[in-house]
C-alpha atoms as a PDB file:
ATOM      1  CA  MET A   1     145.410 109.121 124.244  1.00  0.00           C
ATOM      2  CA  ILE A   2     143.192 107.379 121.744  1.00  0.00           C
ATOM      3  CA  ASN A   3     139.444 107.493 122.183  1.00  0.00           C
ATOM      4  CA  TYR A   4     137.377 104.694 120.724  1.00  0.00           C
ATOM      5  CA  GLU A   5     133.779 103.688 120.540  1.00  0.00           C
ATOM      6  CA  ILE A   6     131.823 100.820 119.101  1.00  0.00           C
ATOM      7  CA  HIS A   7     129.345 102.100 116.523  1.00  0.00           C
ATOM      8  CA  THR A   8     126.454 100.080 115.124  1.00  0.00           C
ATOM      9  CA  THR A   9     126.060 100.203 111.341  1.00  0.00           C
ATOM     10  CA  PRO A  10     123.725  98.370 108.957  1.00  0.00           C
ATOM     11  CA  PHE A  11     126.718  96.089 108.204  1.00  0.00           C
ATOM     12  CA  GLY A  12     127.559  95.325 111.847  1.00  0.00           C
ATOM     13  CA  GLU A  13     129.456  96.916 114.666  1.00  0.00           C
ATOM     14  CA  MET A  14     132.549  98.970 113.918  1.00  0.00           C
ATOM     15  CA  ARG A  15     135.291 100.162 116.234  1.00  0.00           C
ATOM     16  CA  ILE A  16     136.127 103.813 115.557  1.00  0.00           C
ATOM     17  CA  ALA A  17     139.333 105.121 117.146  1.00  0.00           C
ATOM     18  CA  ALA A  18     140.814 108.605 116.989  1.00  0.00           C
ATOM     19  CA  GLY A  19     143.789 110.380 118.481  1.00  0.00           C
ATOM     20  CA  GLU A  20     144.702 114.051 118.580  1.00  0.00           C
ATOM     21  CA  ARG A  21     145.870 114.130 114.943  1.00  0.00           C
ATOM     22  CA  GLY A  22     143.131 112.053 113.326  1.00  0.00           C
ATOM     23  CA  LEU A  23     141.415 108.733 112.864  1.00  0.00           C
ATOM     24  CA  VAL A  24     143.799 105.877 113.703  1.00  0.00           C
ATOM     25  CA  ALA A  25     141.548 102.850 113.284  1.00  0.00           C
ATOM     26  CA  LEU A  26     138.197 101.873 111.876  1.00  0.00           C
ATOM     27  CA  SER A  27     137.406  98.193 111.766  1.00  0.00           C
ATOM     28  CA  PHE A  28     134.549  95.754 111.851  1.00  0.00           C
ATOM     29  CA  HIS A  29     134.226  94.809 115.503  1.00  0.00           C
ATOM     30  CA  ARG A  30     133.695  91.205 116.411  1.00  0.00           C
ATOM     31  CA  GLY A  31     134.307  91.512 120.131  1.00  0.00           C
ATOM     32  CA  GLU A  32     137.309  89.203 120.149  1.00  0.00           C
ATOM     33  CA  ARG A  33     139.793  91.599 118.538  1.00  0.00           C
ATOM     34  CA  PRO A  34     142.064  93.100 121.189  1.00  0.00           C
ATOM     35  CA  LEU A  35     143.025  96.746 121.101  1.00  0.00           C
ATOM     36  CA  PRO A  36     146.383  97.431 119.448  1.00  0.00           C
ATOM     37  CA  THR A  37     149.303  97.934 121.798  1.00  0.00           C
ATOM     38  CA  GLY A  38     151.544 100.974 122.041  1.00  0.00           C
ATOM     39  CA  ALA A  39     148.970 103.629 122.929  1.00  0.00           C
ATOM     40  CA  ASP A  40     146.695 104.593 125.794  1.00  0.00           C
ATOM     41  CA  TRP A  41     143.163 103.597 124.817  1.00  0.00           C
ATOM     42  CA  GLN A  42     140.087 105.104 126.416  1.00  0.00           C
ATOM     43  CA  ARG A  43     136.573 103.970 125.651  1.00  0.00           C
ATOM     44  CA  GLY A  44     134.381 106.929 124.897  1.00  0.00           C
ATOM     45  CA  ALA A  45     133.417 109.204 122.065  1.00  0.00           C
ATOM     46  CA  SER A  46     135.331 112.254 120.911  1.00  0.00           C
ATOM     47  CA  PRO A  47     134.292 114.913 118.402  1.00  0.00           C
ATOM     48  CA  LEU A  48     136.227 113.008 115.709  1.00  0.00           C
ATOM     49  CA  THR A  49     134.733 109.584 116.489  1.00  0.00           C
ATOM     50  CA  ASP A  50     131.286 111.220 116.440  1.00  0.00           C
ATOM     51  CA  GLU A  51     132.008 112.827 113.062  1.00  0.00           C
ATOM     52  CA  ALA A  52     133.320 109.549 111.667  1.00  0.00           C
ATOM     53  CA  ALA A  53     130.141 107.796 112.861  1.00  0.00           C
ATOM     54  CA  ARG A  54     128.016 110.482 111.183  1.00  0.00           C
ATOM     55  CA  GLN A  55     129.882 110.160 107.881  1.00  0.00           C
ATOM     56  CA  LEU A  56     129.697 106.356 108.043  1.00  0.00           C
ATOM     57  CA  ALA A  57     125.924 106.560 108.519  1.00  0.00           C
ATOM     58  CA  GLU A  58     125.721 108.731 105.393  1.00  0.00           C
ATOM     59  CA  TYR A  59     127.892 106.245 103.484  1.00  0.00           C
ATOM     60  CA  PHE A  60     125.734 103.268 104.455  1.00  0.00           C
ATOM     61  CA  ALA A  61     122.607 105.255 103.526  1.00  0.00           C
ATOM     62  CA  GLY A  62     124.066 105.864 100.043  1.00  0.00           C
ATOM     63  CA  GLU A  63     124.395 109.604 100.685  1.00  0.00           C
ATOM     64  CA  ARG A  64     128.197 109.872 100.923  1.00  0.00           C
ATOM     65  CA  ARG A  65     130.828 108.802  98.414  1.00  0.00           C
ATOM     66  CA  GLU A  66     133.909 110.469  99.907  1.00  0.00           C
ATOM     67  CA  PHE A  67     135.000 110.983 103.486  1.00  0.00           C
ATOM     68  CA  ASP A  68     136.297 114.223 104.937  1.00  0.00           C
ATOM     69  CA  LEU A  69     138.158 113.109 108.046  1.00  0.00           C
ATOM     70  CA  PRO A  70     141.711 113.727 109.260  1.00  0.00           C
ATOM     71  CA  LEU A  71     143.640 110.455 109.187  1.00  0.00           C
ATOM     72  CA  ALA A  72     146.623 109.417 111.303  1.00  0.00           C
ATOM     73  CA  PRO A  73     147.068 105.683 110.672  1.00  0.00           C
ATOM     74  CA  PRO A  74     150.110 104.085 112.250  1.00  0.00           C
ATOM     75  CA  GLY A  75     152.305 102.534 109.588  1.00  0.00           C
ATOM     76  CA  THR A  76     155.459 102.751 107.520  1.00  0.00           C
ATOM     77  CA  ASP A  77     156.016 105.369 104.844  1.00  0.00           C
ATOM     78  CA  PHE A  78     155.375 102.728 102.169  1.00  0.00           C
ATOM     79  CA  GLN A  79     152.131 101.634 103.811  1.00  0.00           C
ATOM     80  CA  ARG A  80     150.936 105.231 104.022  1.00  0.00           C
ATOM     81  CA  ARG A  81     151.707 105.714 100.313  1.00  0.00           C
ATOM     82  CA  VAL A  82     149.676 102.591  99.491  1.00  0.00           C
ATOM     83  CA  TRP A  83     146.806 103.785 101.697  1.00  0.00           C
ATOM     84  CA  ASP A  84     146.904 107.230 100.071  1.00  0.00           C
ATOM     85  CA  ALA A  85     146.686 105.517  96.659  1.00  0.00           C
ATOM     86  CA  LEU A  86     143.672 103.514  97.869  1.00  0.00           C
ATOM     87  CA  ARG A  87     141.886 106.772  98.624  1.00  0.00           C
ATOM     88  CA  GLN A  88     142.244 107.692  94.945  1.00  0.00           C
ATOM     89  CA  ILE A  89     140.055 104.774  93.802  1.00  0.00           C
ATOM     90  CA  PRO A  90     136.655 106.338  93.089  1.00  0.00           C
ATOM     91  CA  TYR A  91     133.487 105.156  94.781  1.00  0.00           C
ATOM     92  CA  GLY A  92     131.936 102.298  92.827  1.00  0.00           C
ATOM     93  CA  GLU A  93     135.165 101.380  91.031  1.00  0.00           C
ATOM     94  CA  THR A  94     137.743  98.692  91.650  1.00  0.00           C
ATOM     95  CA  ARG A  95     141.423  98.185  90.937  1.00  0.00           C
ATOM     96  CA  SER A  96     143.713  95.172  90.912  1.00  0.00           C
ATOM     97  CA  TYR A  97     146.840  94.901  93.019  1.00  0.00           C
ATOM     98  CA  ARG A  98     148.814  95.265  89.809  1.00  0.00           C
ATOM     99  CA  GLN A  99     147.041  98.534  88.999  1.00  0.00           C
ATOM    100  CA  GLN A 100     147.752  99.764  92.511  1.00  0.00           C
ATOM    101  CA  ALA A 101     151.458  98.917  92.139  1.00  0.00           C
ATOM    102  CA  GLU A 102     151.499 100.734  88.782  1.00  0.00           C
ATOM    103  CA  ALA A 103     149.845 103.772  90.406  1.00  0.00           C
ATOM    104  CA  LEU A 104     152.719 103.814  92.891  1.00  0.00           C
ATOM    105  CA  GLY A 105     155.236 103.606  90.042  1.00  0.00           C
ATOM    106  CA  ASN A 106     156.633 100.192  90.976  1.00  0.00           C
ATOM    107  CA  LEU A 107     155.193  97.185  89.185  1.00  0.00           C
ATOM    108  CA  LYS A 108     157.555  94.907  91.137  1.00  0.00           C
ATOM    109  CA  ALA A 109     155.798  95.889  94.381  1.00  0.00           C
ATOM    110  CA  ILE A 110     152.554  93.942  93.771  1.00  0.00           C
ATOM    111  CA  ARG A 111     153.041  91.647  96.771  1.00  0.00           C
ATOM    112  CA  ALA A 112     154.146  94.520  99.006  1.00  0.00           C
ATOM    113  CA  VAL A 113     151.072  96.480  97.935  1.00  0.00           C
ATOM    114  CA  ALA A 114     148.884  93.498  98.799  1.00  0.00           C
ATOM    115  CA  ARG A 115     150.504  93.232 102.247  1.00  0.00           C
ATOM    116  CA  ALA A 116     150.044  96.959 102.866  1.00  0.00           C
ATOM    117  CA  ASN A 117     146.386  96.690 101.816  1.00  0.00           C
ATOM    118  CA  GLY A 118     145.966  93.878 104.335  1.00  0.00           C
ATOM    119  CA  ALA A 119     147.515  96.040 107.066  1.00  0.00           C
ATOM    120  CA  ASN A 120     145.169  98.966 106.421  1.00  0.00           C
ATOM    121  CA  PRO A 121     143.830  99.999 109.853  1.00  0.00           C
ATOM    122  CA  ILE A 122     141.086 102.298 108.539  1.00  0.00           C
ATOM    123  CA  ALA A 123     138.408 100.290 106.723  1.00  0.00           C
ATOM    124  CA  ILE A 124     135.970 101.923 104.298  1.00  0.00           C
ATOM    125  CA  VAL A 125     137.464 105.440 104.620  1.00  0.00           C
ATOM    126  CA  VAL A 126     140.691 104.003 103.184  1.00  0.00           C
ATOM    127  CA  PRO A 127     138.853 101.727 100.742  1.00  0.00           C
ATOM    128  CA  CYS A 128     140.981  98.596 100.539  1.00  0.00           C
ATOM    129  CA  HIS A 129     137.740  96.735  99.784  1.00  0.00           C
ATOM    130  CA  ARG A 130     137.941  98.255  96.285  1.00  0.00           C
ATOM    131  CA  VAL A 131     141.016  96.170  95.397  1.00  0.00           C
ATOM    132  CA  ILE A 132     140.148  92.866  93.745  1.00  0.00           C
ATOM    133  CA  GLY A 133     141.921  90.155  91.784  1.00  0.00           C
ATOM    134  CA  ALA A 134     143.093  90.807  88.230  1.00  0.00           C
ATOM    135  CA  ASP A 135     140.331  88.478  86.990  1.00  0.00           C
ATOM    136  CA  GLY A 136     137.661  90.515  88.808  1.00  0.00           C
ATOM    137  CA  SER A 137     137.334  88.079  91.706  1.00  0.00           C
ATOM    138  CA  LEU A 138     137.235  88.983  95.347  1.00  0.00           C
ATOM    139  CA  THR A 139     140.483  88.620  97.269  1.00  0.00           C
ATOM    140  CA  GLY A 140     141.237  88.776 100.984  1.00  0.00           C
ATOM    141  CA  TYR A 141     139.626  91.338 103.253  1.00  0.00           C
ATOM    142  CA  ALA A 142     140.017  91.727 107.021  1.00  0.00           C
ATOM    143  CA  GLY A 143     136.241  91.993 107.382  1.00  0.00           C
ATOM    144  CA  GLY A 144     135.758  88.814 105.353  1.00  0.00           C
ATOM    145  CA  LEU A 145     134.891  88.270 101.692  1.00  0.00           C
ATOM    146  CA  GLU A 146     131.155  88.436 102.377  1.00  0.00           C
ATOM    147  CA  MET A 147     131.591  91.914 103.884  1.00  0.00           C
ATOM    148  CA  LYS A 148     133.777  92.959 100.953  1.00  0.00           C
ATOM    149  CA  ALA A 149     131.057  91.833  98.538  1.00  0.00           C
ATOM    150  CA  ARG A 150     128.424  93.747 100.521  1.00  0.00           C
ATOM    151  CA  LEU A 151     130.490  96.955 100.463  1.00  0.00           C
ATOM    152  CA  LEU A 152     131.179  96.683  96.728  1.00  0.00           C
ATOM    153  CA  THR A 153     127.499  95.953  96.064  1.00  0.00           C
ATOM    154  CA  LEU A 154     126.501  99.007  98.126  1.00  0.00           C
ATOM    155  CA  GLU A 155     128.783 101.097  95.911  1.00  0.00           C
ATOM    156  CA  GLY A 156     127.526  99.479  92.695  1.00  0.00           C
ATOM    157  CA  ALA A 157     130.989  98.135  91.807  1.00  0.00           C
ATOM    158  CA  ARG A 158     131.446  95.215  89.438  1.00  0.00           C
ATOM    159  CA  PHE A 159     133.196  92.074  90.626  1.00  0.00           C
ATOM    160  CA  ILE A 160     132.973  88.332  90.177  1.00  0.00           C
ATOM    161  CA  GLN A 161     131.532  86.217  92.981  1.00  0.00           C
ATOM    162  CA  GLN A 162     133.641  83.142  93.742  1.00  0.00           C
ATOM    163  CA  ALA A 163     130.861  80.790  92.544  1.00  0.00           C
ATOM    164  CA  GLU A 164     130.937  82.505  89.140  1.00  0.00           C
ATOM    165  CA  LEU A 165     134.570  81.451  88.663  1.00  0.00           C
ATOM    166  CA  LEU A 166     133.755  77.738  88.781  1.00  0.00           C
END
């Protein structure tokens, strides 16, 4: 059973979902996104969704830089390794996909790392928003590039806005 709730943040609504072993999903909620298949979903808070909401509120208030939540994202072993590496990027810093592939010890895996970043089911806590292009520009983000820019700005990270590249 996976409990989920929709939590309002200063950056919009987020769907927080947790199972028995940990947080399974955290995403910007736009109403149209269906729930993933393969699990029994129940709308309603749990102690873990409440704790995630509390820690998110601290993050958005600038009071939290690291999250202390059990995670249980569904994914392949490779994806989980990529997501673990994302959690090593410090608050307020960014990395390129190439740097992430190097951190995993496989420079040939740049595209696979990018795909795994895109499949990350736990936004913010697993900070895929901290991965940017090699030139410092913003690259894809499930929450949209504007949201990625807002998150990086909140953290004080340096990046290049698309208009600056022209």
